[in-house]
Amino acid sequence: MIGFIGNEVAARYRIRVGRKIGSAALVADGYHARTDAFTSLAVDGGGLRISDPAPGCSPPRSGPSGVSQGGHDTY
């Protein structure tokens, strides 16, 4: 849970600063940190037998929005 919180804080900071200074790369890095946060959350829940296949079976949530937003900011 601590890994999730730390990565989410880093993600929000990078996204906010990236938008403020107009850096698509920093915003994309923020979305990457957010994805890492959810990965950390899935790993923390890995002690439960039922949760083992859950991360692999769930659709990606931050990928398409991050890509479309990053493309919009770049061009």
N, C-alpha and C. Protein backbone atom coordinates (compact mmCIF):
# COMPACT_ATOMS: atom_id res chain seq x y z
N MET A 1 0.82 -1.19 0.00
CA MET A 1 0.00 0.00 0.00
C MET A 1 0.87 1.26 0.00
N ILE A 2 2.01 1.19 0.66
CA ILE A 2 2.90 2.35 0.71
C ILE A 2 3.46 2.63 -0.68
N GLY A 3 3.78 1.57 -1.44
CA GLY A 3 4.27 1.75 -2.80
C GLY A 3 3.24 2.43 -3.68
N PHE A 4 1.97 2.05 -3.53
CA PHE A 4 0.90 2.66 -4.30
C PHE A 4 0.79 4.15 -3.99
N ILE A 5 0.79 4.48 -2.72
CA ILE A 5 0.64 5.88 -2.31
C ILE A 5 1.81 6.72 -2.82
N GLY A 6 3.03 6.21 -2.66
CA GLY A 6 4.21 6.94 -3.13
C GLY A 6 4.20 7.18 -4.62
N ASN A 7 3.86 6.14 -5.38
CA ASN A 7 3.82 6.29 -6.84
C ASN A 7 2.68 7.20 -7.29
N GLU A 8 1.56 7.16 -6.60
CA GLU A 8 0.44 8.03 -6.97
C GLU A 8 0.76 9.49 -6.69
N VAL A 9 1.42 9.74 -5.57
CA VAL A 9 1.85 11.12 -5.26
C VAL A 9 2.82 11.61 -6.33
N ALA A 10 3.77 10.78 -6.71
CA ALA A 10 4.73 11.15 -7.75
C ALA A 10 4.03 11.39 -9.08
N ALA A 11 3.05 10.55 -9.40
CA ALA A 11 2.31 10.69 -10.66
C ALA A 11 1.56 12.02 -10.70
N ARG A 12 0.86 12.34 -9.64
CA ARG A 12 0.10 13.59 -9.62
C ARG A 12 1.02 14.80 -9.75
N TYR A 13 2.15 14.75 -9.07
CA TYR A 13 3.10 15.86 -9.14
C TYR A 13 3.64 16.03 -10.56
N ARG A 14 4.07 14.93 -11.17
CA ARG A 14 4.63 15.00 -12.53
C ARG A 14 3.59 15.48 -13.54
N ILE A 15 2.37 14.98 -13.43
CA ILE A 15 1.32 15.40 -14.36
C ILE A 15 1.03 16.89 -14.19
N ARG A 16 0.91 17.33 -12.93
CA ARG A 16 0.59 18.74 -12.67
C ARG A 16 1.70 19.67 -13.18
N VAL A 17 2.94 19.35 -12.85
CA VAL A 17 4.06 20.19 -13.29
C VAL A 17 4.23 20.12 -14.80
N GLY A 18 4.08 18.93 -15.37
CA GLY A 18 4.19 18.77 -16.82
C GLY A 18 3.19 19.62 -17.57
N ARG A 19 1.96 19.66 -17.07
CA ARG A 19 0.93 20.50 -17.71
C ARG A 19 1.25 21.98 -17.52
N LYS A 20 1.75 22.31 -16.35
CA LYS A 20 2.06 23.72 -16.05
C LYS A 20 3.16 24.26 -16.97
N ILE A 21 4.19 23.46 -17.20
CA ILE A 21 5.30 23.94 -18.04
C ILE A 21 5.16 23.52 -19.50
N GLY A 22 4.11 22.76 -19.81
CA GLY A 22 3.88 22.37 -21.20
C GLY A 22 4.77 21.24 -21.68
N SER A 23 5.14 20.34 -20.78
CA SER A 23 6.03 19.24 -21.14
C SER A 23 5.23 17.95 -21.30
N ALA A 24 5.02 17.53 -22.55
CA ALA A 24 4.30 16.28 -22.81
C ALA A 24 5.06 15.09 -22.26
N ALA A 25 6.39 15.15 -22.27
CA ALA A 25 7.21 14.05 -21.75
C ALA A 25 7.00 13.88 -20.25
N LEU A 26 6.92 14.97 -19.51
CA LEU A 26 6.72 14.89 -18.07
C LEU A 26 5.31 14.40 -17.74
N VAL A 27 4.34 14.82 -18.53
CA VAL A 27 2.96 14.33 -18.33
C VAL A 27 2.92 12.83 -18.60
N ALA A 28 3.55 12.39 -19.66
CA ALA A 28 3.58 10.96 -19.98
C ALA A 28 4.29 10.17 -18.88
N ASP A 29 5.35 10.73 -18.32
CA ASP A 29 6.06 10.08 -17.22
C ASP A 29 5.15 9.99 -16.00
N GLY A 30 4.31 11.00 -15.80
CA GLY A 30 3.35 10.96 -14.71
C GLY A 30 2.34 9.84 -14.89
N TYR A 31 1.84 9.66 -16.12
CA TYR A 31 0.92 8.56 -16.39
C TYR A 31 1.62 7.21 -16.19
N HIS A 32 2.90 7.14 -16.52
CA HIS A 32 3.66 5.91 -16.31
C HIS A 32 3.77 5.63 -14.81
N ALA A 33 4.05 6.67 -14.03
CA ALA A 33 4.13 6.50 -12.57
C ALA A 33 2.78 6.04 -12.01
N ARG A 34 1.69 6.54 -12.57
CA ARG A 34 0.36 6.12 -12.12
C ARG A 34 0.15 4.64 -12.42
N THR A 35 0.59 4.19 -13.58
CA THR A 35 0.48 2.77 -13.93
C THR A 35 1.30 1.93 -12.96
N ASP A 36 2.50 2.42 -12.61
CA ASP A 36 3.32 1.73 -11.62
C ASP A 36 2.62 1.66 -10.26
N ALA A 37 1.87 2.71 -9.92
CA ALA A 37 1.15 2.73 -8.65
C ALA A 37 0.13 1.59 -8.62
N PHE A 38 -0.63 1.44 -9.71
CA PHE A 38 -1.62 0.37 -9.74
C PHE A 38 -0.96 -1.01 -9.77
N THR A 39 0.21 -1.11 -10.39
CA THR A 39 0.95 -2.36 -10.38
C THR A 39 1.38 -2.70 -8.95
N SER A 40 1.85 -1.69 -8.21
CA SER A 40 2.23 -1.90 -6.82
C SER A 40 1.04 -2.37 -5.99
N LEU A 41 -0.11 -1.79 -6.26
CA LEU A 41 -1.33 -2.18 -5.54
C LEU A 41 -1.69 -3.64 -5.84
N ALA A 42 -1.55 -4.04 -7.10
CA ALA A 42 -1.83 -5.42 -7.48
C ALA A 42 -0.85 -6.39 -6.83
N VAL A 43 0.41 -5.98 -6.74
CA VAL A 43 1.43 -6.83 -6.12
C VAL A 43 1.16 -6.96 -4.63
N ASP A 44 0.74 -5.87 -3.99
CA ASP A 44 0.41 -5.92 -2.56
C ASP A 44 -0.73 -6.88 -2.29
N GLY A 45 -1.68 -6.95 -3.20
CA GLY A 45 -2.80 -7.87 -3.04
C GLY A 45 -2.49 -9.27 -3.50
N GLY A 46 -1.28 -9.52 -3.91
CA GLY A 46 -0.88 -10.82 -4.46
C GLY A 46 -0.89 -11.95 -3.46
N GLY A 47 -1.02 -11.63 -2.17
CA GLY A 47 -1.06 -12.68 -1.16
C GLY A 47 -2.35 -13.48 -1.23
N LEU A 48 -3.37 -12.91 -1.83
CA LEU A 48 -4.63 -13.64 -1.97
C LEU A 48 -4.59 -14.48 -3.24
N ARG A 49 -4.94 -15.71 -3.15
CA ARG A 49 -4.86 -16.63 -4.28
C ARG A 49 -5.75 -16.18 -5.45
N ILE A 50 -6.91 -15.63 -5.15
CA ILE A 50 -7.85 -15.23 -6.20
C ILE A 50 -7.34 -14.01 -6.98
N SER A 51 -6.46 -13.21 -6.38
CA SER A 51 -6.02 -11.98 -7.04
C SER A 51 -4.83 -12.20 -7.98
N ASP A 52 -4.25 -13.40 -7.99
CA ASP A 52 -3.08 -13.62 -8.84
C ASP A 52 -3.34 -13.35 -10.32
N PRO A 53 -4.42 -13.85 -10.93
CA PRO A 53 -4.62 -13.59 -12.36
C PRO A 53 -5.27 -12.23 -12.64
N ALA A 54 -5.74 -11.53 -11.61
CA ALA A 54 -6.49 -10.30 -11.83
C ALA A 54 -5.73 -9.23 -12.62
N PRO A 55 -4.47 -8.92 -12.29
CA PRO A 55 -3.79 -7.87 -13.06
C PRO A 55 -3.62 -8.21 -14.54
N GLY A 56 -3.40 -9.47 -14.84
CA GLY A 56 -3.22 -9.86 -16.24
C GLY A 56 -4.52 -9.89 -17.03
N CYS A 57 -5.62 -10.09 -16.35
CA CYS A 57 -6.92 -10.19 -17.02
C CYS A 57 -7.64 -8.85 -17.14
N SER A 58 -7.22 -7.88 -16.36
CA SER A 58 -7.92 -6.60 -16.39
C SER A 58 -7.41 -5.74 -17.55
N PRO A 59 -8.30 -4.97 -18.17
CA PRO A 59 -7.87 -4.11 -19.28
C PRO A 59 -7.04 -2.93 -18.76
N PRO A 60 -6.10 -2.46 -19.54
CA PRO A 60 -5.31 -1.30 -19.09
C PRO A 60 -6.19 -0.07 -18.96
N ARG A 61 -6.02 0.69 -17.91
CA ARG A 61 -6.88 1.84 -17.67
C ARG A 61 -6.21 3.15 -18.05
N SER A 62 -4.92 3.25 -17.87
CA SER A 62 -4.29 4.55 -18.11
C SER A 62 -3.64 4.64 -19.49
N GLY A 63 -3.48 3.54 -20.19
CA GLY A 63 -2.80 3.55 -21.48
C GLY A 63 -3.44 4.43 -22.53
N PRO A 64 -4.67 4.16 -22.93
CA PRO A 64 -5.26 4.94 -24.03
C PRO A 64 -5.41 6.43 -23.69
N SER A 65 -5.80 6.75 -22.47
CA SER A 65 -5.98 8.16 -22.14
C SER A 65 -4.63 8.88 -22.12
N GLY A 66 -3.61 8.19 -21.62
CA GLY A 66 -2.28 8.80 -21.60
C GLY A 66 -1.72 9.03 -23.00
N VAL A 67 -1.96 8.06 -23.87
CA VAL A 67 -1.47 8.18 -25.24
C VAL A 67 -2.21 9.28 -25.99
N SER A 68 -3.53 9.30 -25.87
CA SER A 68 -4.28 10.31 -26.60
C SER A 68 -4.00 11.71 -26.06
N GLN A 69 -3.89 11.84 -24.75
CA GLN A 69 -3.58 13.14 -24.17
C GLN A 69 -2.18 13.59 -24.54
N GLY A 70 -1.23 12.66 -24.50
CA GLY A 70 0.16 12.99 -24.86
C GLY A 70 0.26 13.43 -26.31
N GLY A 71 -0.44 12.73 -27.20
CA GLY A 71 -0.44 13.12 -28.61
C GLY A 71 -1.08 14.50 -28.81
N HIS A 72 -2.12 14.76 -28.06
CA HIS A 72 -2.79 16.05 -28.17
C HIS A 72 -1.87 17.18 -27.70
N ASP A 73 -1.15 16.96 -26.61
CA ASP A 73 -0.25 17.99 -26.08
C ASP A 73 0.96 18.21 -26.99
N THR A 74 1.39 17.15 -27.67
CA THR A 74 2.59 17.27 -28.50
C THR A 74 2.29 18.03 -29.79
N TYR A 75 1.16 17.76 -30.41
CA TYR A 75 0.85 18.38 -31.68
C TYR A 75 -0.13 19.47 -31.47
